[in-house]
Amino acid sequence: ANMLEQLRHLRAQGLDVAVFVYDHPKLSGQQREDALTKTVLAKVKAKPERFHLVVSGNIHPRTARGLPWNNQYKPMGYLLKDQLDDVTALDMAYDSGTAWICAANKQSSKLDCGVKEAKGKDNGDRFFMHRWNSANKDGYHGVFYVGHVTASEPAINKGLGNPDAVSTPSPAPGL
């Protein structure tokens, strides 16, 4: 299911749900992490009383410095934890399927984004979240399992535009 559409349905039912876009796809590397951090910080500081759930790929939320290929890299989660009181990063676990993934192209050293096979581990039909006592070496505080995954293009690529734009929400099915 399209996550943004599901959030629109919740909002149409009167729930206090807000969505914001924080990606900077024209940037890469540390510049992109810095820009992601700046955008998320601005939203959190504008409404500190709210609960903020930031959804991203597995690199950006890490709260530990460094990556296997660059030990000086500072992911968004690492930068956020120094500026916010409470940051929890969860690693996503999944069964196999497909995912929209951006990976370095070995020939051009540029990002190659698109639908790719995702090999995971089948942990059954029950979705779950487990939080550990402390962060692991990668800076994750726990894991959430989502089952089989199916790729979804970024909303902007699908032409859905700005999720904060005023639109006429359609009623939820069955209402």
Protein backbone atom coordinates (compact mmCIF):
# COMPACT_ATOMS: atom_id res chain seq x y z
CA ALA A 1 0.00 0.00 0.00
CA ASN A 2 1.11 3.53 -0.65
CA MET A 3 2.21 4.86 2.75
CA LEU A 4 1.39 8.47 1.89
CA GLU A 5 -2.11 7.51 0.80
CA GLN A 6 -2.64 5.63 4.08
CA LEU A 7 -1.51 8.72 6.01
CA ARG A 8 -3.93 10.87 4.00
CA HIS A 9 -6.75 8.52 5.04
CA LEU A 10 -5.76 8.84 8.71
CA ARG A 11 -5.72 12.61 8.37
CA ALA A 12 -9.15 12.57 6.67
CA GLN A 13 -10.45 10.63 9.69
CA GLY A 14 -9.40 13.54 11.92
CA LEU A 15 -6.11 12.22 13.26
CA ASP A 16 -3.30 14.74 13.76
CA VAL A 17 -0.90 13.46 11.10
CA ALA A 18 1.58 15.64 9.24
CA VAL A 19 4.06 14.62 6.56
CA PHE A 20 7.11 16.49 5.36
CA VAL A 21 9.68 15.81 2.70
CA TYR A 22 13.28 16.12 3.80
CA ASP A 23 15.35 14.53 1.04
CA HIS A 24 17.81 16.49 -1.09
CA PRO A 25 18.29 14.11 -4.05
CA LYS A 26 20.58 16.44 -5.99
CA LEU A 27 23.15 16.24 -3.20
CA SER A 28 25.25 13.22 -2.30
CA GLY A 29 27.60 12.02 0.41
CA GLN A 30 28.17 14.15 3.48
CA GLN A 31 26.54 17.21 1.88
CA ARG A 32 23.30 15.26 1.58
CA GLU A 33 23.46 14.03 5.21
CA ASP A 34 24.06 17.62 6.38
CA ALA A 35 21.09 18.89 4.34
CA LEU A 36 18.81 16.06 5.56
CA THR A 37 19.77 16.89 9.14
CA LYS A 38 19.12 20.61 8.69
CA THR A 39 15.65 19.97 7.23
CA VAL A 40 14.61 17.48 9.93
CA LEU A 41 15.97 19.73 12.71
CA ALA A 42 13.97 22.69 11.42
CA LYS A 43 10.74 20.63 11.52
CA VAL A 44 11.44 19.17 14.97
CA LYS A 45 12.41 22.53 16.48
CA ALA A 46 9.32 24.19 14.98
CA LYS A 47 7.05 21.68 16.79
CA PRO A 48 9.05 20.16 19.66
CA GLU A 49 5.90 18.92 21.42
CA ARG A 50 5.11 16.52 18.55
CA PHE A 51 6.31 12.96 18.11
CA HIS A 52 8.42 12.78 14.94
CA LEU A 53 8.91 9.56 13.00
CA VAL A 54 11.53 9.94 10.28
CA VAL A 55 11.40 7.18 7.68
CA SER A 56 14.47 6.58 5.52
CA GLY A 57 16.79 3.98 4.12
CA ASN A 58 19.13 2.11 6.43
CA ILE A 59 22.19 4.39 6.16
CA HIS A 60 20.68 7.77 7.11
CA PRO A 61 19.25 6.92 10.58
CA ARG A 62 22.45 5.35 11.95
CA THR A 63 23.57 7.13 15.13
CA ALA A 64 27.17 5.89 14.95
CA ARG A 65 29.87 7.70 13.02
CA GLY A 66 31.34 5.95 10.00
CA LEU A 67 30.37 3.42 7.36
CA PRO A 68 32.22 0.32 6.17
CA TRP A 69 33.65 2.29 3.23
CA ASN A 70 34.20 5.65 5.02
CA ASN A 71 34.97 5.76 8.76
CA GLN A 72 34.59 9.58 8.88
CA TYR A 73 31.04 9.61 7.45
CA LYS A 74 28.41 11.26 9.67
CA PRO A 75 24.92 9.92 8.90
CA MET A 76 21.85 12.07 9.62
CA GLY A 77 21.06 10.07 12.79
CA TYR A 78 24.55 10.71 14.15
CA LEU A 79 24.18 14.45 13.51
CA LEU A 80 20.65 14.57 14.97
CA LYS A 81 21.57 12.79 18.22
CA ASP A 82 24.03 15.58 19.05
CA GLN A 83 21.31 18.22 18.70
CA LEU A 84 18.16 16.52 20.04
CA ASP A 85 17.32 15.03 23.43
CA ASP A 86 15.97 11.70 22.22
CA VAL A 87 16.89 9.98 18.97
CA THR A 88 16.17 6.28 18.44
CA ALA A 89 17.29 4.57 15.24
CA LEU A 90 15.73 1.29 14.15
CA ASP A 91 17.19 -0.97 11.50
CA MET A 92 14.67 -2.48 9.12
CA ALA A 93 14.49 -6.25 8.79
CA TYR A 94 12.47 -7.85 6.03
CA ASP A 95 11.77 -10.99 4.08
CA SER A 96 13.00 -10.99 0.48
CA GLY A 97 11.36 -8.93 -2.25
CA THR A 98 12.18 -5.72 -4.08
CA ALA A 99 13.12 -2.24 -2.86
CA TRP A 100 13.93 1.19 -4.27
CA ILE A 101 17.64 1.35 -3.51
CA CYS A 102 20.36 3.87 -4.29
CA ALA A 103 23.78 2.24 -4.49
CA ALA A 104 27.14 3.42 -5.78
CA ASN A 105 27.72 2.47 -9.41
CA LYS A 106 31.16 0.84 -9.52
CA GLN A 107 31.96 2.12 -13.03
CA SER A 108 30.89 5.76 -12.65
CA SER A 109 31.09 6.19 -8.82
CA LYS A 110 27.67 7.90 -8.99
CA LEU A 111 24.48 6.77 -7.30
CA ASP A 112 22.41 4.27 -9.24
CA CYS A 113 18.83 4.41 -7.98
CA GLY A 114 16.03 2.07 -8.92
CA VAL A 115 14.13 -1.12 -8.14
CA LYS A 116 16.50 -3.85 -6.99
CA GLU A 117 16.20 -7.31 -5.47
CA ALA A 118 16.25 -7.24 -1.67
CA LYS A 119 17.38 -10.42 0.06
CA GLY A 120 16.20 -10.65 3.62
CA LYS A 121 15.32 -13.26 6.20
CA ASP A 122 11.83 -14.67 6.66
CA ASN A 123 10.83 -14.03 10.28
CA GLY A 124 7.24 -15.13 9.76
CA ASP A 125 3.98 -13.30 9.17
CA ARG A 126 4.03 -11.34 12.42
CA PHE A 127 5.39 -7.80 12.11
CA PHE A 128 7.37 -6.67 15.15
CA MET A 129 9.66 -4.07 16.66
CA HIS A 130 12.34 -4.93 19.18
CA ARG A 131 14.41 -2.37 21.09
CA TRP A 132 17.75 -3.33 22.60
CA ASN A 133 19.22 -2.06 25.89
CA SER A 134 21.74 0.08 24.01
CA ALA A 135 22.75 0.94 20.46
CA ASN A 136 24.79 -1.58 18.49
CA LYS A 137 28.08 -0.75 16.71
CA ASP A 138 26.15 0.66 13.71
CA GLY A 139 24.14 3.02 15.89
CA TYR A 140 20.81 1.19 15.77
CA HIS A 141 18.80 0.89 18.98
CA GLY A 142 16.62 -1.93 17.71
CA VAL A 143 14.97 -3.48 14.70
CA PHE A 144 11.54 -3.51 13.11
CA TYR A 145 10.40 -6.34 10.87
CA VAL A 146 8.01 -5.68 7.97
CA GLY A 147 7.76 -9.04 6.17
CA HIS A 148 7.89 -9.27 2.37
CA VAL A 149 8.88 -5.98 0.70
CA THR A 150 7.77 -4.52 -2.62
CA ALA A 151 9.52 -1.55 -4.21
CA SER A 152 7.83 1.82 -4.30
CA GLU A 153 9.24 4.77 -6.21
CA PRO A 154 9.86 7.94 -4.20
CA ALA A 155 6.64 9.99 -4.09
CA ILE A 156 8.15 12.82 -6.10
CA ASN A 157 9.02 10.35 -8.91
CA LYS A 158 5.43 9.13 -8.96
CA GLY A 159 4.19 12.69 -9.52
CA LEU A 160 2.46 12.91 -6.14
CA GLY A 161 4.24 16.18 -5.45
CA ASN A 162 4.38 17.87 -2.08
CA PRO A 163 2.54 15.90 0.64
CA ASP A 164 1.87 19.18 2.50
CA ALA A 165 0.06 20.66 -0.49
CA VAL A 166 -3.63 21.30 0.09
CA SER A 167 -5.67 18.55 -1.50
CA THR A 168 -9.16 17.20 -1.21
CA PRO A 169 -8.79 13.94 0.69
CA SER A 170 -10.94 11.07 -0.44
CA PRO A 171 -12.93 9.32 2.28
CA ALA A 172 -11.47 6.13 3.67
CA PRO A 173 -13.03 2.94 2.27
CA GLY A 174 -16.11 1.85 4.17
CA LEU A 175 -16.87 5.26 5.68
